[in-house]
Amino acid sequence: MNRKGGIISTSNSIRNLCKEKDVSVAELARRICQTLQNFNKKLKRETVSTEELMQIADVLGVVFEQSYILENGEKLTITSES
């Protein structure tokens, strides 16, 4: 979700993070050992995997977190923090 409560796409989230960290998408692709062409295709198709999101978080020095909240309120979280 964005600050206004709307849903933000994975690709927009990655692009915003790149801007925030002053890293180009091309540089990010290089750091995660992908060609720019391949990475741009993944961004366009919204097919960046959870593993790749964790790699991106690692190379940009941030924490990736994804959660599922069950009906009983229990929260299941995937995080890149060790």
PDB file of N, CA and C in Angstrom:
ATOM      1  N   MET A   1       0.839  -1.181   0.000  1.00  0.00           N
ATOM      2  CA  MET A   1       0.000   0.000   0.000  1.00  0.00           C
ATOM      3  C   MET A   1       0.882   1.242   0.000  1.00  0.00           C
ATOM      4  N   ASN A   2       0.366   2.289  -0.602  1.00  0.00           N
ATOM      5  CA  ASN A   2       1.102   3.539  -0.572  1.00  0.00           C
ATOM      6  C   ASN A   2       0.623   4.384   0.603  1.00  0.00           C
ATOM      7  N   ARG A   3       1.158   5.568   0.731  1.00  0.00           N
ATOM      8  CA  ARG A   3       0.835   6.417   1.883  1.00  0.00           C
ATOM      9  C   ARG A   3      -0.627   6.832   1.922  1.00  0.00           C
ATOM     10  N   LYS A   4      -1.292   6.811   0.770  1.00  0.00           N
ATOM     11  CA  LYS A   4      -2.699   7.196   0.714  1.00  0.00           C
ATOM     12  C   LYS A   4      -3.618   5.992   0.884  1.00  0.00           C
ATOM     13  N   GLY A   5      -3.073   4.824   1.152  1.00  0.00           N
ATOM     14  CA  GLY A   5      -3.867   3.634   1.387  1.00  0.00           C
ATOM     15  C   GLY A   5      -4.161   2.814   0.149  1.00  0.00           C
ATOM     16  N   GLY A   6      -3.678   3.255  -1.018  1.00  0.00           N
ATOM     17  CA  GLY A   6      -3.881   2.500  -2.252  1.00  0.00           C
ATOM     18  C   GLY A   6      -2.818   1.429  -2.406  1.00  0.00           C
ATOM     19  N   ILE A   7      -3.073   0.516  -3.296  1.00  0.00           N
ATOM     20  CA  ILE A   7      -2.114  -0.564  -3.548  1.00  0.00           C
ATOM     21  C   ILE A   7      -1.090  -0.087  -4.564  1.00  0.00           C
ATOM     22  N   ILE A   8       0.172  -0.336  -4.275  1.00  0.00           N
ATOM     23  CA  ILE A   8       1.258   0.027  -5.182  1.00  0.00           C
ATOM     24  C   ILE A   8       1.806  -1.262  -5.800  1.00  0.00           C
ATOM     25  N   SER A   9       2.066  -1.229  -7.086  1.00  0.00           N
ATOM     26  CA  SER A   9       2.573  -2.426  -7.760  1.00  0.00           C
ATOM     27  C   SER A   9       4.003  -2.724  -7.317  1.00  0.00           C
ATOM     28  N   THR A  10       4.401  -3.963  -7.500  1.00  0.00           N
ATOM     29  CA  THR A  10       5.768  -4.362  -7.166  1.00  0.00           C
ATOM     30  C   THR A  10       6.771  -3.552  -7.971  1.00  0.00           C
ATOM     31  N   SER A  11       6.512  -3.388  -9.262  1.00  0.00           N
ATOM     32  CA  SER A  11       7.458  -2.647 -10.106  1.00  0.00           C
ATOM     33  C   SER A  11       7.568  -1.191  -9.667  1.00  0.00           C
ATOM     34  N   ASN A  12       6.444  -0.556  -9.336  1.00  0.00           N
ATOM     35  CA  ASN A  12       6.507   0.829  -8.859  1.00  0.00           C
ATOM     36  C   ASN A  12       7.219   0.919  -7.520  1.00  0.00           C
ATOM     37  N   SER A  13       7.004  -0.063  -6.674  1.00  0.00           N
ATOM     38  CA  SER A  13       7.687  -0.102  -5.388  1.00  0.00           C
ATOM     39  C   SER A  13       9.199  -0.197  -5.583  1.00  0.00           C
ATOM     40  N   ILE A  14       9.640  -1.050  -6.504  1.00  0.00           N
ATOM     41  CA  ILE A  14      11.067  -1.208  -6.784  1.00  0.00           C
ATOM     42  C   ILE A  14      11.633   0.078  -7.378  1.00  0.00           C
ATOM     43  N   ARG A  15      10.915   0.674  -8.315  1.00  0.00           N
ATOM     44  CA  ARG A  15      11.382   1.930  -8.926  1.00  0.00           C
ATOM     45  C   ARG A  15      11.479   3.045  -7.885  1.00  0.00           C
ATOM     46  N   ASN A  16      10.489   3.137  -7.000  1.00  0.00           N
ATOM     47  CA  ASN A  16      10.528   4.145  -5.939  1.00  0.00           C
ATOM     48  C   ASN A  16      11.699   3.909  -4.995  1.00  0.00           C
ATOM     49  N   LEU A  17      11.948   2.660  -4.670  1.00  0.00           N
ATOM     50  CA  LEU A  17      13.072   2.320  -3.805  1.00  0.00           C
ATOM     51  C   LEU A  17      14.392   2.701  -4.465  1.00  0.00           C
ATOM     52  N   CYS A  18      14.504   2.450  -5.764  1.00  0.00           N
ATOM     53  CA  CYS A  18      15.713   2.841  -6.502  1.00  0.00           C
ATOM     54  C   CYS A  18      15.924   4.351  -6.424  1.00  0.00           C
ATOM     55  N   LYS A  19      14.850   5.113  -6.614  1.00  0.00           N
ATOM     56  CA  LYS A  19      14.953   6.580  -6.523  1.00  0.00           C
ATOM     57  C   LYS A  19      15.403   6.996  -5.128  1.00  0.00           C
ATOM     58  N   GLU A  20      14.781   6.386  -4.125  1.00  0.00           N
ATOM     59  CA  GLU A  20      15.106   6.709  -2.732  1.00  0.00           C
ATOM     60  C   GLU A  20      16.574   6.414  -2.412  1.00  0.00           C
ATOM     61  N   LYS A  21      17.097   5.334  -2.975  1.00  0.00           N
ATOM     62  CA  LYS A  21      18.479   4.915  -2.720  1.00  0.00           C
ATOM     63  C   LYS A  21      19.460   5.463  -3.754  1.00  0.00           C
ATOM     64  N   ASP A  22      18.965   6.269  -4.705  1.00  0.00           N
ATOM     65  CA  ASP A  22      19.794   6.873  -5.756  1.00  0.00           C
ATOM     66  C   ASP A  22      20.562   5.812  -6.549  1.00  0.00           C
ATOM     67  N   VAL A  23      19.839   4.773  -6.944  1.00  0.00           N
ATOM     68  CA  VAL A  23      20.395   3.671  -7.733  1.00  0.00           C
ATOM     69  C   VAL A  23      19.503   3.508  -8.962  1.00  0.00           C
ATOM     70  N   SER A  24      20.096   3.446 -10.129  1.00  0.00           N
ATOM     71  CA  SER A  24      19.296   3.250 -11.340  1.00  0.00           C
ATOM     72  C   SER A  24      18.792   1.810 -11.406  1.00  0.00           C
ATOM     73  N   VAL A  25      17.740   1.611 -12.169  1.00  0.00           N
ATOM     74  CA  VAL A  25      17.224   0.258 -12.367  1.00  0.00           C
ATOM     75  C   VAL A  25      18.290  -0.605 -13.042  1.00  0.00           C
ATOM     76  N   ALA A  26      19.052  -0.009 -13.958  1.00  0.00           N
ATOM     77  CA  ALA A  26      20.133  -0.742 -14.633  1.00  0.00           C
ATOM     78  C   ALA A  26      21.186  -1.202 -13.624  1.00  0.00           C
ATOM     79  N   GLU A  27      21.542  -0.326 -12.689  1.00  0.00           N
ATOM     80  CA  GLU A  27      22.529  -0.684 -11.664  1.00  0.00           C
ATOM     81  C   GLU A  27      21.969  -1.764 -10.743  1.00  0.00           C
ATOM     82  N   LEU A  28      20.708  -1.648 -10.384  1.00  0.00           N
ATOM     83  CA  LEU A  28      20.085  -2.670  -9.545  1.00  0.00           C
ATOM     84  C   LEU A  28      20.110  -4.020 -10.246  1.00  0.00           C
ATOM     85  N   ALA A  29      19.746  -4.041 -11.522  1.00  0.00           N
ATOM     86  CA  ALA A  29      19.771  -5.291 -12.291  1.00  0.00           C
ATOM     87  C   ALA A  29      21.169  -5.902 -12.260  1.00  0.00           C
ATOM     88  N   ARG A  30      22.180  -5.072 -12.461  1.00  0.00           N
ATOM     89  CA  ARG A  30      23.564  -5.557 -12.440  1.00  0.00           C
ATOM     90  C   ARG A  30      23.906  -6.151 -11.069  1.00  0.00           C
ATOM     91  N   ARG A  31      23.504  -5.472 -10.000  1.00  0.00           N
ATOM     92  CA  ARG A  31      23.823  -5.929  -8.645  1.00  0.00           C
ATOM     93  C   ARG A  31      23.161  -7.254  -8.288  1.00  0.00           C
ATOM     94  N   ILE A  32      22.025  -7.542  -8.915  1.00  0.00           N
ATOM     95  CA  ILE A  32      21.363  -8.825  -8.633  1.00  0.00           C
ATOM     96  C   ILE A  32      21.631  -9.841  -9.749  1.00  0.00           C
ATOM     97  N   CYS A  33      22.673  -9.542 -10.543  1.00  0.00           N
ATOM     98  CA  CYS A  33      23.171 -10.459 -11.583  1.00  0.00           C
ATOM     99  C   CYS A  33      22.128 -10.795 -12.646  1.00  0.00           C
ATOM    100  N   GLN A  34      21.410  -9.767 -13.092  1.00  0.00           N
ATOM    101  CA  GLN A  34      20.459  -9.941 -14.180  1.00  0.00           C
ATOM    102  C   GLN A  34      20.759  -8.904 -15.253  1.00  0.00           C
ATOM    103  N   THR A  35      20.410  -9.232 -16.479  1.00  0.00           N
ATOM    104  CA  THR A  35      20.548  -8.231 -17.535  1.00  0.00           C
ATOM    105  C   THR A  35      19.431  -7.211 -17.362  1.00  0.00           C
ATOM    106  N   LEU A  36      19.674  -6.002 -17.827  1.00  0.00           N
ATOM    107  CA  LEU A  36      18.651  -4.968 -17.744  1.00  0.00           C
ATOM    108  C   LEU A  36      17.413  -5.391 -18.526  1.00  0.00           C
ATOM    109  N   GLN A  37      17.628  -5.994 -19.684  1.00  0.00           N
ATOM    110  CA  GLN A  37      16.507  -6.424 -20.516  1.00  0.00           C
ATOM    111  C   GLN A  37      15.626  -7.431 -19.768  1.00  0.00           C
ATOM    112  N   ASN A  38      16.242  -8.427 -19.159  1.00  0.00           N
ATOM    113  CA  ASN A  38      15.495  -9.442 -18.417  1.00  0.00           C
ATOM    114  C   ASN A  38      14.773  -8.828 -17.218  1.00  0.00           C
ATOM    115  N   PHE A  39      15.471  -7.972 -16.481  1.00  0.00           N
ATOM    116  CA  PHE A  39      14.878  -7.371 -15.290  1.00  0.00           C
ATOM    117  C   PHE A  39      13.714  -6.454 -15.668  1.00  0.00           C
ATOM    118  N   ASN A  40      13.874  -5.677 -16.731  1.00  0.00           N
ATOM    119  CA  ASN A  40      12.784  -4.807 -17.184  1.00  0.00           C
ATOM    120  C   ASN A  40      11.551  -5.614 -17.585  1.00  0.00           C
ATOM    121  N   LYS A  41      11.766  -6.773 -18.201  1.00  0.00           N
ATOM    122  CA  LYS A  41      10.638  -7.641 -18.557  1.00  0.00           C
ATOM    123  C   LYS A  41       9.900  -8.095 -17.300  1.00  0.00           C
ATOM    124  N   LYS A  42      10.652  -8.460 -16.269  1.00  0.00           N
ATOM    125  CA  LYS A  42      10.035  -8.890 -15.016  1.00  0.00           C
ATOM    126  C   LYS A  42       9.255  -7.748 -14.375  1.00  0.00           C
ATOM    127  N   LEU A  43       9.816  -6.536 -14.430  1.00  0.00           N
ATOM    128  CA  LEU A  43       9.109  -5.386 -13.875  1.00  0.00           C
ATOM    129  C   LEU A  43       7.824  -5.122 -14.655  1.00  0.00           C
ATOM    130  N   LYS A  44       7.911  -5.167 -15.962  1.00  0.00           N
ATOM    131  CA  LYS A  44       6.747  -4.898 -16.810  1.00  0.00           C
ATOM    132  C   LYS A  44       5.639  -5.929 -16.589  1.00  0.00           C
ATOM    133  N   ARG A  45       6.027  -7.188 -16.428  1.00  0.00           N
ATOM    134  CA  ARG A  45       5.052  -8.277 -16.266  1.00  0.00           C
ATOM    135  C   ARG A  45       4.664  -8.522 -14.810  1.00  0.00           C
ATOM    136  N   GLU A  46       5.300  -7.798 -13.892  1.00  0.00           N
ATOM    137  CA  GLU A  46       5.055  -7.992 -12.455  1.00  0.00           C
ATOM    138  C   GLU A  46       5.359  -9.430 -12.046  1.00  0.00           C
ATOM    139  N   THR A  47       6.507  -9.947 -12.509  1.00  0.00           N
ATOM    140  CA  THR A  47       6.875 -11.336 -12.206  1.00  0.00           C
ATOM    141  C   THR A  47       8.163 -11.437 -11.388  1.00  0.00           C
ATOM    142  N   VAL A  48       8.469 -10.425 -10.608  1.00  0.00           N
ATOM    143  CA  VAL A  48       9.643 -10.469  -9.734  1.00  0.00           C
ATOM    144  C   VAL A  48       9.313 -11.429  -8.588  1.00  0.00           C
ATOM    145  N   SER A  49      10.177 -12.416  -8.376  1.00  0.00           N
ATOM    146  CA  SER A  49       9.912 -13.436  -7.350  1.00  0.00           C
ATOM    147  C   SER A  49      10.222 -12.913  -5.946  1.00  0.00           C
ATOM    148  N   THR A  50       9.706 -13.610  -4.955  1.00  0.00           N
ATOM    149  CA  THR A  50       9.998 -13.265  -3.565  1.00  0.00           C
ATOM    150  C   THR A  50      11.497 -13.349  -3.302  1.00  0.00           C
ATOM    151  N   GLU A  51      12.148 -14.360  -3.849  1.00  0.00           N
ATOM    152  CA  GLU A  51      13.601 -14.497  -3.688  1.00  0.00           C
ATOM    153  C   GLU A  51      14.319 -13.276  -4.270  1.00  0.00           C
ATOM    154  N   GLU A  52      13.871 -12.822  -5.441  1.00  0.00           N
ATOM    155  CA  GLU A  52      14.486 -11.638  -6.056  1.00  0.00           C
ATOM    156  C   GLU A  52      14.215 -10.384  -5.233  1.00  0.00           C
ATOM    157  N   LEU A  53      13.030 -10.283  -4.642  1.00  0.00           N
ATOM    158  CA  LEU A  53      12.727  -9.138  -3.781  1.00  0.00           C
ATOM    159  C   LEU A  53      13.653  -9.124  -2.569  1.00  0.00           C
ATOM    160  N   MET A  54      13.962 -10.299  -2.051  1.00  0.00           N
ATOM    161  CA  MET A  54      14.898 -10.390  -0.931  1.00  0.00           C
ATOM    162  C   MET A  54      16.307  -9.994  -1.365  1.00  0.00           C
ATOM    163  N   GLN A  55      16.709 -10.403  -2.572  1.00  0.00           N
ATOM    164  CA  GLN A  55      18.019 -10.002  -3.112  1.00  0.00           C
ATOM    165  C   GLN A  55      18.082  -8.485  -3.264  1.00  0.00           C
ATOM    166  N   ILE A  56      17.032  -7.905  -3.805  1.00  0.00           N
ATOM    167  CA  ILE A  56      16.967  -6.456  -4.005  1.00  0.00           C
ATOM    168  C   ILE A  56      17.110  -5.746  -2.668  1.00  0.00           C
ATOM    169  N   ALA A  57      16.371  -6.211  -1.671  1.00  0.00           N
ATOM    170  CA  ALA A  57      16.463  -5.616  -0.339  1.00  0.00           C
ATOM    171  C   ALA A  57      17.885  -5.696   0.191  1.00  0.00           C
ATOM    172  N   ASP A  58      18.520  -6.836   0.007  1.00  0.00           N
ATOM    173  CA  ASP A  58      19.884  -7.036   0.491  1.00  0.00           C
ATOM    174  C   ASP A  58      20.860  -6.065  -0.169  1.00  0.00           C
ATOM    175  N   VAL A  59      20.815  -5.966  -1.497  1.00  0.00           N
ATOM    176  CA  VAL A  59      21.793  -5.111  -2.183  1.00  0.00           C
ATOM    177  C   VAL A  59      21.516  -3.625  -1.963  1.00  0.00           C
ATOM    178  N   LEU A  60      20.269  -3.272  -1.620  1.00  0.00           N
ATOM    179  CA  LEU A  60      19.953  -1.863  -1.367  1.00  0.00           C
ATOM    180  C   LEU A  60      19.998  -1.513   0.122  1.00  0.00           C
ATOM    181  N   GLY A  61      20.276  -2.499   0.953  1.00  0.00           N
ATOM    182  CA  GLY A  61      20.429  -2.240   2.386  1.00  0.00           C
ATOM    183  C   GLY A  61      19.124  -1.945   3.104  1.00  0.00           C
ATOM    184  N   VAL A  62      18.049  -2.606   2.672  1.00  0.00           N
ATOM    185  CA  VAL A  62      16.757  -2.445   3.330  1.00  0.00           C
ATOM    186  C   VAL A  62      16.231  -3.829   3.707  1.00  0.00           C
ATOM    187  N   VAL A  63      15.133  -3.865   4.417  1.00  0.00           N
ATOM    188  CA  VAL A  63      14.514  -5.123   4.821  1.00  0.00           C
ATOM    189  C   VAL A  63      13.267  -5.343   3.968  1.00  0.00           C
ATOM    190  N   PHE A  64      13.143  -6.532   3.414  1.00  0.00           N
ATOM    191  CA  PHE A  64      11.925  -6.923   2.699  1.00  0.00           C
ATOM    192  C   PHE A  64      11.060  -7.700   3.667  1.00  0.00           C
ATOM    193  N   GLU A  65       9.762  -7.376   3.693  1.00  0.00           N
ATOM    194  CA  GLU A  65       8.836  -8.097   4.557  1.00  0.00           C
ATOM    195  C   GLU A  65       7.517  -8.280   3.824  1.00  0.00           C
ATOM    196  N   GLN A  66       6.979  -9.477   3.901  1.00  0.00           N
ATOM    197  CA  GLN A  66       5.680  -9.792   3.304  1.00  0.00           C
ATOM    198  C   GLN A  66       4.903 -10.585   4.337  1.00  0.00           C
ATOM    199  N   SER A  67       3.645 -10.224   4.541  1.00  0.00           N
ATOM    200  CA  SER A  67       2.851 -10.893   5.575  1.00  0.00           C
ATOM    201  C   SER A  67       1.517 -11.383   5.050  1.00  0.00           C
ATOM    202  N   TYR A  68       1.063 -12.442   5.661  1.00  0.00           N
ATOM    203  CA  TYR A  68      -0.286 -12.960   5.464  1.00  0.00           C
ATOM    204  C   TYR A  68      -0.944 -12.947   6.835  1.00  0.00           C
ATOM    205  N   ILE A  69      -2.157 -12.451   6.901  1.00  0.00           N
ATOM    206  CA  ILE A  69      -2.880 -12.436   8.169  1.00  0.00           C
ATOM    207  C   ILE A  69      -4.042 -13.417   8.053  1.00  0.00           C
ATOM    208  N   LEU A  70      -4.009 -14.422   8.905  1.00  0.00           N
ATOM    209  CA  LEU A  70      -5.028 -15.468   8.888  1.00  0.00           C
ATOM    210  C   LEU A  70      -6.327 -14.963   9.507  1.00  0.00           C
ATOM    211  N   GLU A  71      -7.399 -15.696   9.277  1.00  0.00           N
ATOM    212  CA  GLU A  71      -8.710 -15.315   9.807  1.00  0.00           C
ATOM    213  C   GLU A  71      -8.709 -15.169  11.320  1.00  0.00           C
ATOM    214  N   ASN A  72      -7.878 -15.959  12.001  1.00  0.00           N
ATOM    215  CA  ASN A  72      -7.821 -15.892  13.460  1.00  0.00           C
ATOM    216  C   ASN A  72      -6.914 -14.769  13.964  1.00  0.00           C
ATOM    217  N   GLY A  73      -6.365 -13.961  13.039  1.00  0.00           N
ATOM    218  CA  GLY A  73      -5.512 -12.841  13.413  1.00  0.00           C
ATOM    219  C   GLY A  73      -4.033 -13.169  13.448  1.00  0.00           C
ATOM    220  N   GLU A  74      -3.705 -14.457  13.339  1.00  0.00           N
ATOM    221  CA  GLU A  74      -2.294 -14.846  13.332  1.00  0.00           C
ATOM    222  C   GLU A  74      -1.610 -14.289  12.087  1.00  0.00           C
ATOM    223  N   LYS A  75      -0.403 -13.779  12.270  1.00  0.00           N
ATOM    224  CA  LYS A  75       0.347 -13.166  11.175  1.00  0.00           C
ATOM    225  C   LYS A  75       1.523 -14.055  10.788  1.00  0.00           C
ATOM    226  N   LEU A  76       1.572 -14.423   9.506  1.00  0.00           N
ATOM    227  CA  LEU A  76       2.690 -15.196   8.970  1.00  0.00           C
ATOM    228  C   LEU A  76       3.534 -14.245   8.141  1.00  0.00           C
ATOM    229  N   THR A  77       4.811 -14.123   8.486  1.00  0.00           N
ATOM    230  CA  THR A  77       5.665 -13.128   7.847  1.00  0.00           C
ATOM    231  C   THR A  77       6.884 -13.766   7.210  1.00  0.00           C
ATOM    232  N   ILE A  78       7.197 -13.295   6.004  1.00  0.00           N
ATOM    233  CA  ILE A  78       8.434 -13.635   5.301  1.00  0.00           C
ATOM    234  C   ILE A  78       9.282 -12.377   5.353  1.00  0.00           C
ATOM    235  N   THR A  79      10.529 -12.501   5.786  1.00  0.00           N
ATOM    236  CA  THR A  79      11.381 -11.324   5.889  1.00  0.00           C
ATOM    237  C   THR A  79      12.787 -11.637   5.415  1.00  0.00           C
ATOM    238  N   SER A  80      13.478 -10.596   4.946  1.00  0.00           N
ATOM    239  CA  SER A  80      14.862 -10.776   4.501  1.00  0.00           C
ATOM    240  C   SER A  80      15.850 -10.592   5.641  1.00  0.00           C
ATOM    241  N   GLU A  81      15.373 -10.195   6.810  1.00  0.00           N
ATOM    242  CA  GLU A  81      16.270 -10.050   7.960  1.00  0.00           C
ATOM    243  C   GLU A  81      16.695 -11.420   8.446  1.00  0.00           C
ATOM    244  N   SER A  82      17.963 -11.495   8.854  1.00  0.00           N
ATOM    245  CA  SER A  82      18.420 -12.790   9.368  1.00  0.00           C
ATOM    246  C   SER A  82      18.185 -12.919  10.842  1.00  0.00           C
TER     247      SER A  82
END
